[in-house]
Amino acid sequence: MLNENIKTIRKSKGLSQEELAIKLNVVRQTVSKWEQGLSVPDADMLISISEVFETPVSTLLGETVVETKADDLKAISEKLEVINLQLAQRKATGQKAIHWLFISLCAVIAAIFAVLIVLNSSYLGWNFSDPETAVAKAVFHAFEWLFVRTAPLVFLGAIIGGCLTRKKV
């Protein structure tokens, strides 16, 4: 039973006797003897085998392991295909959201520039001697100064980002 299980699981994992022997630090003949039932691995080696196979020791020692049938492989591949489709849809949705974020950023920057042009506010010529509006003017001046210097770079980055994230046909 142990010998059959080792052989069946090894084959289902796509390992040759040589590959399994290398992973376990034994010679190929040792694996061959285990599979022929001429010898059995000790307890430590059983644990190592179970780790390589990612299978509990009880499975190695338990009932005969049934090889995977073609129908089982087909069902697994269909499930993997569904999962891949779901992942692709999530990726496309995320890319679409980022694309529209870049486009929105461009629109907001353009709108703020339009407001600044309409207000024709030359922040360098403001009279800051009026104490009631001096604070508001200073805050607006700081915003305007920062915006005028950083917005073109952000706008250019948003345009590039929008182009890079658009859906390719």
Protein backbone atom coordinates (compact mmCIF):
# COMPACT_ATOMS: atom_id res chain seq x y z
CA MET A 1 0.00 0.00 0.00
CA LEU A 2 2.77 2.50 0.94
CA ASN A 3 4.81 1.53 -2.12
CA GLU A 4 1.81 1.99 -4.44
CA ASN A 5 0.93 5.34 -2.86
CA ILE A 6 4.47 6.68 -3.22
CA LYS A 7 4.55 5.68 -6.88
CA THR A 8 1.06 7.02 -7.65
CA ILE A 9 1.59 10.35 -5.92
CA ARG A 10 5.05 10.77 -7.44
CA LYS A 11 3.63 10.27 -10.92
CA SER A 12 0.66 12.58 -10.25
CA LYS A 13 3.12 15.30 -9.20
CA GLY A 14 5.02 14.76 -12.45
CA LEU A 15 8.24 13.69 -10.74
CA SER A 16 10.62 11.03 -11.94
CA GLN A 17 12.28 8.68 -9.45
CA GLU A 18 15.51 10.64 -9.98
CA GLU A 19 13.84 14.00 -9.26
CA LEU A 20 12.21 12.67 -6.10
CA ALA A 21 15.52 11.16 -4.99
CA ILE A 22 17.28 14.51 -5.43
CA LYS A 23 14.61 16.30 -3.39
CA LEU A 24 14.96 13.73 -0.62
CA ASN A 25 18.77 13.51 -0.78
CA VAL A 26 18.76 9.79 -1.52
CA VAL A 27 19.79 7.74 -4.55
CA ARG A 28 17.28 6.79 -7.25
CA GLN A 29 17.60 3.11 -6.36
CA THR A 30 16.23 3.85 -2.88
CA VAL A 31 13.08 5.35 -4.36
CA SER A 32 12.81 2.38 -6.71
CA LYS A 33 13.04 -0.06 -3.76
CA TRP A 34 10.31 1.84 -1.89
CA GLU A 35 8.03 1.67 -4.92
CA GLN A 36 8.70 -2.04 -5.45
CA GLY A 37 8.01 -2.75 -1.78
CA LEU A 38 11.54 -4.11 -1.21
CA SER A 39 12.19 -1.56 1.57
CA VAL A 40 10.32 1.14 3.47
CA PRO A 41 11.38 4.65 4.41
CA ASP A 42 11.96 5.40 8.10
CA ALA A 43 9.73 7.84 10.02
CA ASP A 44 11.87 10.91 9.29
CA MET A 45 11.97 10.04 5.60
CA LEU A 46 8.19 9.57 5.55
CA ILE A 47 7.82 13.11 6.85
CA SER A 48 10.20 14.38 4.17
CA ILE A 49 8.28 12.52 1.48
CA SER A 50 4.99 13.97 2.70
CA GLU A 51 6.49 17.47 2.59
CA VAL A 52 7.76 17.00 -0.97
CA PHE A 53 4.39 15.59 -2.07
CA GLU A 54 2.47 18.16 0.03
CA THR A 55 0.44 15.22 1.30
CA PRO A 56 -0.17 14.09 4.89
CA VAL A 57 1.79 11.06 6.10
CA SER A 58 -1.53 9.39 6.88
CA THR A 59 -2.37 9.51 3.17
CA LEU A 60 0.94 7.86 2.33
CA LEU A 61 0.27 5.10 4.85
CA GLY A 62 -3.50 4.92 4.36
CA GLU A 63 -5.71 3.66 1.61
CA THR A 64 -4.60 3.23 -1.95
CA VAL A 65 -4.40 6.57 -3.73
CA VAL A 66 -6.45 6.68 -6.91
CA GLU A 67 -4.79 8.29 -9.89
CA THR A 68 -6.43 11.43 -11.22
CA LYS A 69 -8.77 10.65 -14.06
CA ALA A 70 -9.11 12.66 -17.24
CA ASP A 71 -12.59 13.84 -16.18
CA ASP A 72 -11.17 15.19 -12.93
CA LEU A 73 -8.48 17.07 -14.86
CA LYS A 74 -11.12 18.47 -17.20
CA ALA A 75 -13.21 19.71 -14.26
CA ILE A 76 -10.16 21.30 -12.66
CA SER A 77 -9.16 23.00 -15.91
CA GLU A 78 -12.69 24.36 -16.34
CA LYS A 79 -12.62 25.79 -12.83
CA LEU A 80 -9.21 27.36 -13.50
CA GLU A 81 -10.56 28.88 -16.70
CA VAL A 82 -13.46 30.47 -14.80
CA ILE A 83 -11.05 31.84 -12.19
CA ASN A 84 -8.80 33.27 -14.92
CA LEU A 85 -11.79 34.97 -16.55
CA GLN A 86 -12.83 36.49 -13.22
CA LEU A 87 -9.29 37.77 -12.61
CA ALA A 88 -9.16 39.26 -16.11
CA GLN A 89 -12.48 41.05 -15.50
CA ARG A 90 -11.22 42.46 -12.19
CA LYS A 91 -8.04 43.68 -13.87
CA ALA A 92 -10.01 45.32 -16.69
CA THR A 93 -12.34 47.01 -14.19
CA GLY A 94 -9.40 48.35 -12.18
CA GLN A 95 -7.68 49.61 -15.31
CA LYS A 96 -10.89 51.31 -16.42
CA ALA A 97 -11.24 53.03 -13.01
CA ILE A 98 -7.66 54.30 -13.14
CA HIS A 99 -8.19 55.51 -16.71
CA TRP A 100 -11.24 57.57 -15.70
CA LEU A 101 -9.39 58.88 -12.65
CA PHE A 102 -6.69 60.29 -14.93
CA ILE A 103 -9.30 61.82 -17.24
CA SER A 104 -11.12 63.36 -14.25
CA LEU A 105 -7.85 64.79 -12.95
CA CYS A 106 -7.24 66.44 -16.33
CA ALA A 107 -10.75 67.91 -16.31
CA VAL A 108 -10.37 69.29 -12.76
CA ILE A 109 -7.02 70.90 -13.56
CA ALA A 110 -8.41 72.44 -16.75
CA ALA A 111 -11.45 73.77 -14.84
CA ILE A 112 -9.29 75.38 -12.13
CA PHE A 113 -7.10 77.01 -14.77
CA ALA A 114 -10.26 78.34 -16.47
CA VAL A 115 -11.49 79.84 -13.18
CA LEU A 116 -8.11 81.48 -12.59
CA ILE A 117 -8.17 82.97 -16.10
CA VAL A 118 -11.75 84.23 -15.71
CA LEU A 119 -10.95 85.83 -12.35
CA ASN A 120 -7.97 87.50 -13.99
CA SER A 121 -6.36 87.46 -10.58
CA SER A 122 -2.84 88.67 -10.77
CA TYR A 123 -1.78 87.57 -7.32
CA LEU A 124 1.38 89.66 -7.48
CA GLY A 125 -0.60 92.91 -7.70
CA TRP A 126 -2.96 92.32 -4.78
CA ASN A 127 -3.29 94.88 -2.03
CA PHE A 128 -2.72 93.04 1.25
CA SER A 129 -3.25 96.15 3.41
CA ASP A 130 -6.96 95.44 3.95
CA PRO A 131 -6.94 93.34 7.15
CA GLU A 132 -10.36 91.75 6.52
CA THR A 133 -9.34 90.09 3.26
CA ALA A 134 -5.59 89.85 3.74
CA VAL A 135 -5.71 86.32 5.19
CA ALA A 136 -8.05 85.00 2.49
CA LYS A 137 -5.97 86.64 -0.21
CA ALA A 138 -2.77 85.19 1.25
CA VAL A 139 -4.29 81.67 1.31
CA PHE A 140 -5.59 82.06 -2.25
CA HIS A 141 -2.22 83.45 -3.29
CA ALA A 142 -0.46 80.40 -1.83
CA PHE A 143 -2.88 78.03 -3.56
CA GLU A 144 -2.55 79.88 -6.85
CA TRP A 145 1.25 79.97 -6.64
CA LEU A 146 1.46 76.24 -5.86
CA PHE A 147 -1.17 75.29 -8.43
CA VAL A 148 0.36 77.28 -11.29
CA ARG A 149 3.73 75.64 -10.70
CA THR A 150 2.65 72.04 -10.14
CA ALA A 151 -0.51 71.67 -12.24
CA PRO A 152 1.22 71.51 -15.63
CA LEU A 153 3.33 68.56 -14.49
CA VAL A 154 0.34 66.81 -12.93
CA PHE A 155 -1.74 67.56 -16.05
CA LEU A 156 0.94 66.10 -18.32
CA GLY A 157 1.23 63.02 -16.08
CA ALA A 158 -2.55 62.58 -16.11
CA ILE A 159 -2.63 62.78 -19.91
CA ILE A 160 0.15 60.20 -20.19
CA GLY A 161 -1.57 57.98 -17.61
CA GLY A 162 -4.87 58.28 -19.48
CA CYS A 163 -3.20 57.26 -22.72
CA LEU A 164 -1.38 54.33 -21.14
CA THR A 165 -4.48 52.97 -19.42
CA ARG A 166 -6.95 53.31 -22.29
CA LYS A 167 -8.46 50.10 -23.51
CA LYS A 168 -6.65 48.77 -26.53
CA VAL A 169 -8.87 47.42 -29.27
